Amino acid sequence: MVKNKLEKLLKGGLLVTIGDWTINFPVEPGWDDPDDLITEGTDIINILMGAAAVVAVAVIIIAGYTLITSAGDPDKIQKGQKTLTAAIVGFIVVMIVALIIRFVLQTLGVD
């Protein structure tokens, strides 16, 4: 069922209507098989996971710097703690979403 829908998408492209404008995005000719599209999607997910890890580490470093340089200022301490919490929670959410996507792909037998 999933493959049939993907095959229709590959043949017809993607049609988007925004207001009075209609835009047709032709699908790359290299995607002759739905498995190719899924493989590229999986590669994109892996790249985004790596980028999310880099961003999370950068934000954690920034939060640590804010906490270290706070010099006892309660506002800076609170800002640093909130930034650190947001970075950790955001990264955990990204990891959970990636696990869910991989689980769904494996359950459908696509992966």
PDB file of N, CA and C in Angstrom:
ATOM      1  N   MET A   1       0.820  -1.187   0.000  1.00  0.00           N
ATOM      2  CA  MET A   1       0.000   0.000   0.000  1.00  0.00           C
ATOM      3  C   MET A   1       0.867   1.255   0.000  1.00  0.00           C
ATOM      4  N   VAL A   2       1.891   1.275   0.856  1.00  0.00           N
ATOM      5  CA  VAL A   2       2.779   2.430   0.914  1.00  0.00           C
ATOM      6  C   VAL A   2       3.537   2.568  -0.398  1.00  0.00           C
ATOM      7  N   LYS A   3       3.993   1.435  -0.942  1.00  0.00           N
ATOM      8  CA  LYS A   3       4.735   1.484  -2.198  1.00  0.00           C
ATOM      9  C   LYS A   3       3.869   2.009  -3.336  1.00  0.00           C
ATOM     10  N   ASN A   4       2.578   1.646  -3.372  1.00  0.00           N
ATOM     11  CA  ASN A   4       1.693   2.136  -4.423  1.00  0.00           C
ATOM     12  C   ASN A   4       1.549   3.653  -4.370  1.00  0.00           C
ATOM     13  N   LYS A   5       1.402   4.179  -3.169  1.00  0.00           N
ATOM     14  CA  LYS A   5       1.285   5.633  -3.019  1.00  0.00           C
ATOM     15  C   LYS A   5       2.575   6.325  -3.429  1.00  0.00           C
ATOM     16  N   LEU A   6       3.703   5.740  -3.047  1.00  0.00           N
ATOM     17  CA  LEU A   6       4.988   6.333  -3.424  1.00  0.00           C
ATOM     18  C   LEU A   6       5.209   6.256  -4.935  1.00  0.00           C
ATOM     19  N   GLU A   7       4.782   5.176  -5.562  1.00  0.00           N
ATOM     20  CA  GLU A   7       4.926   5.065  -7.009  1.00  0.00           C
ATOM     21  C   GLU A   7       4.099   6.137  -7.716  1.00  0.00           C
ATOM     22  N   LYS A   8       2.881   6.417  -7.217  1.00  0.00           N
ATOM     23  CA  LYS A   8       2.058   7.482  -7.795  1.00  0.00           C
ATOM     24  C   LYS A   8       2.738   8.837  -7.637  1.00  0.00           C
ATOM     25  N   LEU A   9       3.349   9.070  -6.469  1.00  0.00           N
ATOM     26  CA  LEU A   9       4.066  10.324  -6.230  1.00  0.00           C
ATOM     27  C   LEU A   9       5.247  10.442  -7.176  1.00  0.00           C
ATOM     28  N   LEU A  10       5.974   9.350  -7.377  1.00  0.00           N
ATOM     29  CA  LEU A  10       7.144   9.385  -8.247  1.00  0.00           C
ATOM     30  C   LEU A  10       6.763   9.679  -9.684  1.00  0.00           C
ATOM     31  N   LYS A  11       5.628   9.160 -10.135  1.00  0.00           N
ATOM     32  CA  LYS A  11       5.209   9.368 -11.519  1.00  0.00           C
ATOM     33  C   LYS A  11       4.637  10.762 -11.737  1.00  0.00           C
ATOM     34  N   GLY A  12       3.889  11.281 -10.769  1.00  0.00           N
ATOM     35  CA  GLY A  12       3.189  12.538 -10.972  1.00  0.00           C
ATOM     36  C   GLY A  12       3.886  13.759 -10.436  1.00  0.00           C
ATOM     37  N   GLY A  13       4.814  13.603  -9.532  1.00  0.00           N
ATOM     38  CA  GLY A  13       5.468  14.747  -8.922  1.00  0.00           C
ATOM     39  C   GLY A  13       4.623  15.279  -7.781  1.00  0.00           C
ATOM     40  N   LEU A  14       4.972  16.442  -7.307  1.00  0.00           N
ATOM     41  CA  LEU A  14       4.281  17.041  -6.173  1.00  0.00           C
ATOM     42  C   LEU A  14       3.675  18.358  -6.624  1.00  0.00           C
ATOM     43  N   LEU A  15       2.371  18.506  -6.446  1.00  0.00           N
ATOM     44  CA  LEU A  15       1.658  19.696  -6.881  1.00  0.00           C
ATOM     45  C   LEU A  15       1.241  20.479  -5.644  1.00  0.00           C
ATOM     46  N   VAL A  16       1.655  21.739  -5.573  1.00  0.00           N
ATOM     47  CA  VAL A  16       1.349  22.586  -4.427  1.00  0.00           C
ATOM     48  C   VAL A  16       0.631  23.830  -4.922  1.00  0.00           C
ATOM     49  N   THR A  17      -0.455  24.189  -4.242  1.00  0.00           N
ATOM     50  CA  THR A  17      -1.193  25.399  -4.585  1.00  0.00           C
ATOM     51  C   THR A  17      -1.129  26.362  -3.413  1.00  0.00           C
ATOM     52  N   ILE A  18      -0.623  27.581  -3.684  1.00  0.00           N
ATOM     53  CA  ILE A  18      -0.533  28.623  -2.668  1.00  0.00           C
ATOM     54  C   ILE A  18      -1.257  29.833  -3.225  1.00  0.00           C
ATOM     55  N   GLY A  19      -2.436  30.113  -2.671  1.00  0.00           N
ATOM     56  CA  GLY A  19      -3.237  31.212  -3.199  1.00  0.00           C
ATOM     57  C   GLY A  19      -3.607  30.930  -4.648  1.00  0.00           C
ATOM     58  N   ASP A  20      -3.252  31.850  -5.540  1.00  0.00           N
ATOM     59  CA  ASP A  20      -3.529  31.682  -6.968  1.00  0.00           C
ATOM     60  C   ASP A  20      -2.388  30.987  -7.697  1.00  0.00           C
ATOM     61  N   TRP A  21      -1.301  30.735  -7.013  1.00  0.00           N
ATOM     62  CA  TRP A  21      -0.124  30.134  -7.641  1.00  0.00           C
ATOM     63  C   TRP A  21      -0.167  28.615  -7.513  1.00  0.00           C
ATOM     64  N   THR A  22       0.103  27.942  -8.612  1.00  0.00           N
ATOM     65  CA  THR A  22       0.214  26.486  -8.596  1.00  0.00           C
ATOM     66  C   THR A  22       1.641  26.131  -8.983  1.00  0.00           C
ATOM     67  N   ILE A  23       2.291  25.358  -8.140  1.00  0.00           N
ATOM     68  CA  ILE A  23       3.677  24.989  -8.365  1.00  0.00           C
ATOM     69  C   ILE A  23       3.751  23.475  -8.478  1.00  0.00           C
ATOM     70  N   ASN A  24       4.398  22.997  -9.520  1.00  0.00           N
ATOM     71  CA  ASN A  24       4.574  21.562  -9.705  1.00  0.00           C
ATOM     72  C   ASN A  24       6.048  21.232  -9.504  1.00  0.00           C
ATOM     73  N   PHE A  25       6.331  20.428  -8.500  1.00  0.00           N
ATOM     74  CA  PHE A  25       7.691  19.998  -8.234  1.00  0.00           C
ATOM     75  C   PHE A  25       7.880  18.622  -8.857  1.00  0.00           C
ATOM     76  N   PRO A  26       8.579  18.549  -9.962  1.00  0.00           N
ATOM     77  CA  PRO A  26       8.809  17.212 -10.513  1.00  0.00           C
ATOM     78  C   PRO A  26       9.754  16.433  -9.618  1.00  0.00           C
ATOM     79  N   VAL A  27       9.502  15.162  -9.501  1.00  0.00           N
ATOM     80  CA  VAL A  27      10.350  14.317  -8.678  1.00  0.00           C
ATOM     81  C   VAL A  27      11.587  13.968  -9.480  1.00  0.00           C
ATOM     82  N   GLU A  28      12.727  13.921  -8.809  1.00  0.00           N
ATOM     83  CA  GLU A  28      13.995  13.631  -9.468  1.00  0.00           C
ATOM     84  C   GLU A  28      13.905  12.350 -10.295  1.00  0.00           C
ATOM     85  N   PRO A  29      14.473  12.354 -11.484  1.00  0.00           N
ATOM     86  CA  PRO A  29      14.406  11.146 -12.297  1.00  0.00           C
ATOM     87  C   PRO A  29      15.185   9.977 -11.709  1.00  0.00           C
ATOM     88  N   GLY A  30      16.064  10.219 -10.762  1.00  0.00           N
ATOM     89  CA  GLY A  30      16.828   9.155 -10.137  1.00  0.00           C
ATOM     90  C   GLY A  30      15.986   8.292  -9.206  1.00  0.00           C
ATOM     91  N   TRP A  31      14.802   8.759  -8.864  1.00  0.00           N
ATOM     92  CA  TRP A  31      13.921   8.015  -7.981  1.00  0.00           C
ATOM     93  C   TRP A  31      12.958   7.172  -8.804  1.00  0.00           C
ATOM     94  N   ASP A  32      13.474   6.156  -9.441  1.00  0.00           N
ATOM     95  CA  ASP A  32      12.622   5.291 -10.242  1.00  0.00           C
ATOM     96  C   ASP A  32      11.880   4.285  -9.377  1.00  0.00           C
ATOM     97  N   ASP A  33      12.407   4.001  -8.220  1.00  0.00           N
ATOM     98  CA  ASP A  33      11.849   2.984  -7.349  1.00  0.00           C
ATOM     99  C   ASP A  33      11.545   3.621  -5.993  1.00  0.00           C
ATOM    100  N   PRO A  34      10.423   3.294  -5.371  1.00  0.00           N
ATOM    101  CA  PRO A  34      10.127   3.859  -4.048  1.00  0.00           C
ATOM    102  C   PRO A  34      11.212   3.564  -3.015  1.00  0.00           C
ATOM    103  N   ASP A  35      11.912   2.453  -3.177  1.00  0.00           N
ATOM    104  CA  ASP A  35      12.981   2.138  -2.224  1.00  0.00           C
ATOM    105  C   ASP A  35      14.102   3.170  -2.288  1.00  0.00           C
ATOM    106  N   ASP A  36      14.360   3.737  -3.487  1.00  0.00           N
ATOM    107  CA  ASP A  36      15.375   4.788  -3.611  1.00  0.00           C
ATOM    108  C   ASP A  36      14.970   6.028  -2.828  1.00  0.00           C
ATOM    109  N   LEU A  37      13.690   6.371  -2.926  1.00  0.00           N
ATOM    110  CA  LEU A  37      13.174   7.532  -2.205  1.00  0.00           C
ATOM    111  C   LEU A  37      13.286   7.321  -0.700  1.00  0.00           C
ATOM    112  N   ILE A  38      12.960   6.121  -0.248  1.00  0.00           N
ATOM    113  CA  ILE A  38      13.026   5.813   1.179  1.00  0.00           C
ATOM    114  C   ILE A  38      14.474   5.814   1.658  1.00  0.00           C
ATOM    115  N   THR A  39      15.378   5.300   0.830  1.00  0.00           N
ATOM    116  CA  THR A  39      16.795   5.301   1.193  1.00  0.00           C
ATOM    117  C   THR A  39      17.301   6.724   1.344  1.00  0.00           C
ATOM    118  N   GLU A  40      16.924   7.603   0.422  1.00  0.00           N
ATOM    119  CA  GLU A  40      17.347   9.001   0.535  1.00  0.00           C
ATOM    120  C   GLU A  40      16.711   9.664   1.747  1.00  0.00           C
ATOM    121  N   GLY A  41      15.459   9.332   2.035  1.00  0.00           N
ATOM    122  CA  GLY A  41      14.803   9.876   3.223  1.00  0.00           C
ATOM    123  C   GLY A  41      15.508   9.451   4.491  1.00  0.00           C
ATOM    124  N   THR A  42      15.921   8.194   4.539  1.00  0.00           N
ATOM    125  CA  THR A  42      16.659   7.685   5.694  1.00  0.00           C
ATOM    126  C   THR A  42      18.003   8.400   5.824  1.00  0.00           C
ATOM    127  N   ASP A  43      18.660   8.637   4.695  1.00  0.00           N
ATOM    128  CA  ASP A  43      19.929   9.371   4.727  1.00  0.00           C
ATOM    129  C   ASP A  43      19.728  10.789   5.248  1.00  0.00           C
ATOM    130  N   ILE A  44      18.650  11.429   4.821  1.00  0.00           N
ATOM    131  CA  ILE A  44      18.355  12.790   5.284  1.00  0.00           C
ATOM    132  C   ILE A  44      18.092  12.792   6.788  1.00  0.00           C
ATOM    133  N   ILE A  45      17.351  11.787   7.276  1.00  0.00           N
ATOM    134  CA  ILE A  45      17.093  11.689   8.717  1.00  0.00           C
ATOM    135  C   ILE A  45      18.400  11.550   9.483  1.00  0.00           C
ATOM    136  N   ASN A  46      19.310  10.730   8.972  1.00  0.00           N
ATOM    137  CA  ASN A  46      20.602  10.552   9.640  1.00  0.00           C
ATOM    138  C   ASN A  46      21.406  11.841   9.658  1.00  0.00           C
ATOM    139  N   ILE A  47      21.377  12.589   8.571  1.00  0.00           N
ATOM    140  CA  ILE A  47      22.086  13.872   8.511  1.00  0.00           C
ATOM    141  C   ILE A  47      21.483  14.855   9.511  1.00  0.00           C
ATOM    142  N   LEU A  48      20.150  14.911   9.563  1.00  0.00           N
ATOM    143  CA  LEU A  48      19.495  15.822  10.503  1.00  0.00           C
ATOM    144  C   LEU A  48      19.760  15.431  11.953  1.00  0.00           C
ATOM    145  N   MET A  49      19.878  14.134  12.224  1.00  0.00           N
ATOM    146  CA  MET A  49      20.213  13.689  13.572  1.00  0.00           C
ATOM    147  C   MET A  49      21.605  14.178  13.973  1.00  0.00           C
ATOM    148  N   GLY A  50      22.550  14.074  13.047  1.00  0.00           N
ATOM    149  CA  GLY A  50      23.895  14.571  13.316  1.00  0.00           C
ATOM    150  C   GLY A  50      23.907  16.070  13.545  1.00  0.00           C
ATOM    151  N   ALA A  51      23.138  16.789  12.731  1.00  0.00           N
ATOM    152  CA  ALA A  51      23.057  18.244  12.898  1.00  0.00           C
ATOM    153  C   ALA A  51      22.415  18.600  14.236  1.00  0.00           C
ATOM    154  N   ALA A  52      21.392  17.858  14.636  1.00  0.00           N
ATOM    155  CA  ALA A  52      20.736  18.115  15.919  1.00  0.00           C
ATOM    156  C   ALA A  52      21.706  17.883  17.067  1.00  0.00           C
ATOM    157  N   ALA A  53      22.543  16.863  16.951  1.00  0.00           N
ATOM    158  CA  ALA A  53      23.534  16.598  17.997  1.00  0.00           C
ATOM    159  C   ALA A  53      24.531  17.740  18.096  1.00  0.00           C
ATOM    160  N   VAL A  54      24.984  18.238  16.962  1.00  0.00           N
ATOM    161  CA  VAL A  54      25.944  19.352  16.960  1.00  0.00           C
ATOM    162  C   VAL A  54      25.312  20.605  17.572  1.00  0.00           C
ATOM    163  N   VAL A  55      24.071  20.898  17.190  1.00  0.00           N
ATOM    164  CA  VAL A  55      23.384  22.074  17.734  1.00  0.00           C
ATOM    165  C   VAL A  55      23.169  21.918  19.241  1.00  0.00           C
ATOM    166  N   ALA A  56      22.778  20.720  19.671  1.00  0.00           N
ATOM    167  CA  ALA A  56      22.554  20.490  21.104  1.00  0.00           C
ATOM    168  C   ALA A  56      23.846  20.706  21.897  1.00  0.00           C
ATOM    169  N   VAL A  57      24.952  20.195  21.394  1.00  0.00           N
ATOM    170  CA  VAL A  57      26.232  20.382  22.090  1.00  0.00           C
ATOM    171  C   VAL A  57      26.598  21.864  22.129  1.00  0.00           C
ATOM    172  N   ALA A  58      26.382  22.571  21.032  1.00  0.00           N
ATOM    173  CA  ALA A  58      26.695  24.006  20.998  1.00  0.00           C
ATOM    174  C   ALA A  58      25.852  24.776  22.009  1.00  0.00           C
ATOM    175  N   VAL A  59      24.557  24.456  22.085  1.00  0.00           N
ATOM    176  CA  VAL A  59      23.677  25.158  23.020  1.00  0.00           C
ATOM    177  C   VAL A  59      24.041  24.804  24.464  1.00  0.00           C
ATOM    178  N   ILE A  60      24.428  23.557  24.707  1.00  0.00           N
ATOM    179  CA  ILE A  60      24.853  23.172  26.058  1.00  0.00           C
ATOM    180  C   ILE A  60      26.120  23.926  26.456  1.00  0.00           C
ATOM    181  N   ILE A  61      27.042  24.113  25.518  1.00  0.00           N
ATOM    182  CA  ILE A  61      28.254  24.886  25.797  1.00  0.00           C
ATOM    183  C   ILE A  61      27.903  26.341  26.094  1.00  0.00           C
ATOM    184  N   ILE A  62      26.986  26.901  25.320  1.00  0.00           N
ATOM    185  CA  ILE A  62      26.560  28.291  25.553  1.00  0.00           C
ATOM    186  C   ILE A  62      25.902  28.414  26.925  1.00  0.00           C
ATOM    187  N   ALA A  63      25.052  27.447  27.276  1.00  0.00           N
ATOM    188  CA  ALA A  63      24.394  27.479  28.591  1.00  0.00           C
ATOM    189  C   ALA A  63      25.422  27.358  29.703  1.00  0.00           C
ATOM    190  N   GLY A  64      26.411  26.503  29.523  1.00  0.00           N
ATOM    191  CA  GLY A  64      27.471  26.369  30.523  1.00  0.00           C
ATOM    192  C   GLY A  64      28.265  27.654  30.680  1.00  0.00           C
ATOM    193  N   TYR A  65      28.564  28.294  29.556  1.00  0.00           N
ATOM    194  CA  TYR A  65      29.282  29.570  29.611  1.00  0.00           C
ATOM    195  C   TYR A  65      28.459  30.620  30.348  1.00  0.00           C
ATOM    196  N   THR A  66      27.154  30.640  30.081  1.00  0.00           N
ATOM    197  CA  THR A  66      26.279  31.593  30.762  1.00  0.00           C
ATOM    198  C   THR A  66      26.270  31.336  32.265  1.00  0.00           C
ATOM    199  N   LEU A  67      26.220  30.067  32.639  1.00  0.00           N
ATOM    200  CA  LEU A  67      26.223  29.740  34.066  1.00  0.00           C
ATOM    201  C   LEU A  67      27.555  30.089  34.726  1.00  0.00           C
ATOM    202  N   ILE A  68      28.644  29.829  34.043  1.00  0.00           N
ATOM    203  CA  ILE A  68      29.967  30.112  34.618  1.00  0.00           C
ATOM    204  C   ILE A  68      30.187  31.613  34.781  1.00  0.00           C
ATOM    205  N   THR A  69      29.750  32.388  33.808  1.00  0.00           N
ATOM    206  CA  THR A  69      29.985  33.839  33.851  1.00  0.00           C
ATOM    207  C   THR A  69      28.869  34.600  34.563  1.00  0.00           C
ATOM    208  N   SER A  70      27.943  33.898  35.201  1.00  0.00           N
ATOM    209  CA  SER A  70      26.815  34.582  35.845  1.00  0.00           C
ATOM    210  C   SER A  70      27.240  35.390  37.068  1.00  0.00           C
ATOM    211  N   ALA A  71      28.317  34.996  37.706  1.00  0.00           N
ATOM    212  CA  ALA A  71      28.850  35.703  38.889  1.00  0.00           C
ATOM    213  C   ALA A  71      27.775  35.909  39.950  1.00  0.00           C
ATOM    214  N   GLY A  72      26.904  34.919  40.119  1.00  0.00           N
ATOM    215  CA  GLY A  72      25.890  35.000  41.167  1.00  0.00           C
ATOM    216  C   GLY A  72      24.647  35.779  40.793  1.00  0.00           C
ATOM    217  N   ASP A  73      24.573  36.294  39.568  1.00  0.00           N
ATOM    218  CA  ASP A  73      23.390  37.036  39.132  1.00  0.00           C
ATOM    219  C   ASP A  73      22.236  36.048  38.919  1.00  0.00           C
ATOM    220  N   PRO A  74      21.158  36.183  39.694  1.00  0.00           N
ATOM    221  CA  PRO A  74      20.062  35.210  39.600  1.00  0.00           C
ATOM    222  C   PRO A  74      19.417  35.138  38.209  1.00  0.00           C
ATOM    223  N   ASP A  75      19.358  36.260  37.506  1.00  0.00           N
ATOM    224  CA  ASP A  75      18.758  36.261  36.165  1.00  0.00           C
ATOM    225  C   ASP A  75      19.603  35.439  35.185  1.00  0.00           C
ATOM    226  N   LYS A  76      20.921  35.619  35.247  1.00  0.00           N
ATOM    227  CA  LYS A  76      21.803  34.856  34.361  1.00  0.00           C
ATOM    228  C   LYS A  76      21.798  33.370  34.713  1.00  0.00           C
ATOM    229  N   ILE A  77      21.744  33.076  35.998  1.00  0.00           N
ATOM    230  CA  ILE A  77      21.691  31.670  36.412  1.00  0.00           C
ATOM    231  C   ILE A  77      20.414  31.024  35.895  1.00  0.00           C
ATOM    232  N   GLN A  78      19.303  31.724  36.049  1.00  0.00           N
ATOM    233  CA  GLN A  78      18.021  31.193  35.565  1.00  0.00           C
ATOM    234  C   GLN A  78      18.041  31.028  34.048  1.00  0.00           C
ATOM    235  N   LYS A  79      18.600  32.011  33.342  1.00  0.00           N
ATOM    236  CA  LYS A  79      18.685  31.929  31.880  1.00  0.00           C
ATOM    237  C   LYS A  79      19.550  30.737  31.457  1.00  0.00           C
ATOM    238  N   GLY A  80      20.681  30.552  32.121  1.00  0.00           N
ATOM    239  CA  GLY A  80      21.563  29.428  31.808  1.00  0.00           C
ATOM    240  C   GLY A  80      20.899  28.087  32.073  1.00  0.00           C
ATOM    241  N   GLN A  81      20.166  27.988  33.183  1.00  0.00           N
ATOM    242  CA  GLN A  81      19.484  26.742  33.513  1.00  0.00           C
ATOM    243  C   GLN A  81      18.375  26.433  32.513  1.00  0.00           C
ATOM    244  N   LYS A  82      17.630  27.464  32.126  1.00  0.00           N
ATOM    245  CA  LYS A  82      16.562  27.258  31.142  1.00  0.00           C
ATOM    246  C   LYS A  82      17.132  26.850  29.789  1.00  0.00           C
ATOM    247  N   THR A  83      18.234  27.467  29.396  1.00  0.00           N
ATOM    248  CA  THR A  83      18.866  27.127  28.128  1.00  0.00           C
ATOM    249  C   THR A  83      19.375  25.695  28.148  1.00  0.00           C
ATOM    250  N   LEU A  84      19.997  25.299  29.242  1.00  0.00           N
ATOM    251  CA  LEU A  84      20.502  23.936  29.381  1.00  0.00           C
ATOM    252  C   LEU A  84      19.354  22.927  29.345  1.00  0.00           C
ATOM    253  N   THR A  85      18.296  23.211  30.066  1.00  0.00           N
ATOM    254  CA  THR A  85      17.136  22.317  30.074  1.00  0.00           C
ATOM    255  C   THR A  85      16.520  22.207  28.682  1.00  0.00           C
ATOM    256  N   ALA A  86      16.375  23.336  27.996  1.00  0.00           N
ATOM    257  CA  ALA A  86      15.787  23.329  26.660  1.00  0.00           C
ATOM    258  C   ALA A  86      16.644  22.526  25.681  1.00  0.00           C
ATOM    259  N   ALA A  87      17.956  22.651  25.781  1.00  0.00           N
ATOM    260  CA  ALA A  87      18.849  21.917  24.884  1.00  0.00           C
ATOM    261  C   ALA A  87      18.732  20.418  25.105  1.00  0.00           C
ATOM    262  N   ILE A  88      18.714  20.011  26.352  1.00  0.00           N
ATOM    263  CA  ILE A  88      18.634  18.577  26.655  1.00  0.00           C
ATOM    264  C   ILE A  88      17.278  18.012  26.262  1.00  0.00           C
ATOM    265  N   VAL A  89      16.206  18.709  26.609  1.00  0.00           N
ATOM    266  CA  VAL A  89      14.863  18.236  26.255  1.00  0.00           C
ATOM    267  C   VAL A  89      14.686  18.210  24.732  1.00  0.00           C
ATOM    268  N   GLY A  90      15.163  19.231  24.058  1.00  0.00           N
ATOM    269  CA  GLY A  90      15.060  19.267  22.591  1.00  0.00           C
ATOM    270  C   GLY A  90      15.791  18.117  21.940  1.00  0.00           C
ATOM    271  N   PHE A  91      16.978  17.817  22.419  1.00  0.00           N
ATOM    272  CA  PHE A  91      17.740  16.707  21.843  1.00  0.00           C
ATOM    273  C   PHE A  91      17.059  15.371  22.121  1.00  0.00           C
ATOM    274  N   ILE A  92      16.511  15.210  23.307  1.00  0.00           N
ATOM    275  CA  ILE A  92      15.791  13.972  23.627  1.00  0.00           C
ATOM    276  C   ILE A  92      14.569  13.819  22.726  1.00  0.00           C
ATOM    277  N   VAL A  93      13.848  14.899  22.484  1.00  0.00           N
ATOM    278  CA  VAL A  93      12.685  14.847  21.592  1.00  0.00           C
ATOM    279  C   VAL A  93      13.108  14.445  20.178  1.00  0.00           C
ATOM    280  N   VAL A  94      14.197  15.018  19.685  1.00  0.00           N
ATOM    281  CA  VAL A  94      14.687  14.669  18.351  1.00  0.00           C
ATOM    282  C   VAL A  94      15.056  13.190  18.284  1.00  0.00           C
ATOM    283  N   MET A  95      15.697  12.683  19.323  1.00  0.00           N
ATOM    284  CA  MET A  95      16.068  11.264  19.349  1.00  0.00           C
ATOM    285  C   MET A  95      14.829  10.367  19.359  1.00  0.00           C
ATOM    286  N   ILE A  96      13.828  10.726  20.139  1.00  0.00           N
ATOM    287  CA  ILE A  96      12.609   9.929  20.203  1.00  0.00           C
ATOM    288  C   ILE A  96      11.893   9.933  18.861  1.00  0.00           C
ATOM    289  N   VAL A  97      11.819  11.089  18.214  1.00  0.00           N
ATOM    290  CA  VAL A  97      11.177  11.169  16.899  1.00  0.00           C
ATOM    291  C   VAL A  97      11.920  10.298  15.891  1.00  0.00           C
ATOM    292  N   ALA A  98      13.238  10.334  15.912  1.00  0.00           N
ATOM    293  CA  ALA A  98      14.014   9.498  14.989  1.00  0.00           C
ATOM    294  C   ALA A  98      13.764   8.016  15.253  1.00  0.00           C
ATOM    295  N   LEU A  99      13.682   7.634  16.528  1.00  0.00           N
ATOM    296  CA  LEU A  99      13.401   6.239  16.861  1.00  0.00           C
ATOM    297  C   LEU A  99      12.007   5.827  16.386  1.00  0.00           C
ATOM    298  N   ILE A 100      11.038   6.712  16.527  1.00  0.00           N
ATOM    299  CA  ILE A 100       9.679   6.409  16.069  1.00  0.00           C
ATOM    300  C   ILE A 100       9.651   6.234  14.556  1.00  0.00           C
ATOM    301  N   ILE A 101      10.329   7.121  13.840  1.00  0.00           N
ATOM    302  CA  ILE A 101      10.364   7.021  12.378  1.00  0.00           C
ATOM    303  C   ILE A 101      11.020   5.712  11.950  1.00  0.00           C
ATOM    304  N   ARG A 102      12.139   5.363  12.572  1.00  0.00           N
ATOM    305  CA  ARG A 102      12.810   4.104  12.229  1.00  0.00           C
ATOM    306  C   ARG A 102      11.935   2.900  12.564  1.00  0.00           C
ATOM    307  N   PHE A 103      11.229   2.953  13.694  1.00  0.00           N
ATOM    308  CA  PHE A 103      10.348   1.854  14.077  1.00  0.00           C
ATOM    309  C   PHE A 103       9.226   1.686  13.065  1.00  0.00           C
ATOM    310  N   VAL A 104       8.625   2.803  12.648  1.00  0.00           N
ATOM    311  CA  VAL A 104       7.533   2.734  11.657  1.00  0.00           C
ATOM    312  C   VAL A 104       8.046   2.175  10.340  1.00  0.00           C
ATOM    313  N   LEU A 105       9.215   2.618   9.899  1.00  0.00           N
ATOM    314  CA  LEU A 105       9.773   2.098   8.647  1.00  0.00           C
ATOM    315  C   LEU A 105      10.060   0.609   8.742  1.00  0.00           C
ATOM    316  N   GLN A 106      10.590   0.174   9.862  1.00  0.00           N
ATOM    317  CA  GLN A 106      10.871  -1.247  10.035  1.00  0.00           C
ATOM    318  C   GLN A 106       9.584  -2.069  10.135  1.00  0.00           C
ATOM    319  N   THR A 107       8.561  -1.504  10.788  1.00  0.00           N
ATOM    320  CA  THR A 107       7.292  -2.197  10.906  1.00  0.00           C
ATOM    321  C   THR A 107       6.624  -2.366   9.546  1.00  0.00           C
ATOM    322  N   LEU A 108       6.727  -1.356   8.701  1.00  0.00           N
ATOM    323  CA  LEU A 108       6.160  -1.437   7.358  1.00  0.00           C
ATOM    324  C   LEU A 108       7.008  -2.286   6.428  1.00  0.00           C
ATOM    325  N   GLY A 109       8.166  -2.673   6.895  1.00  0.00           N
ATOM    326  CA  GLY A 109       9.047  -3.506   6.077  1.00  0.00           C
ATOM    327  C   GLY A 109       9.736  -2.720   4.991  1.00  0.00           C
ATOM    328  N   VAL A 110       9.832  -1.418   5.178  1.00  0.00           N
ATOM    329  CA  VAL A 110      10.421  -0.557   4.155  1.00  0.00           C
ATOM    330  C   VAL A 110      11.911  -0.415   4.361  1.00  0.00           C
ATOM    331  N   ASP A 111      12.338  -0.459   5.585  1.00  0.00           N
ATOM    332  CA  ASP A 111      13.755  -0.199   5.893  1.00  0.00           C
ATOM    333  C   ASP A 111      14.628  -1.340   5.513  1.00  0.00           C
TER     334      ASP A 111
END
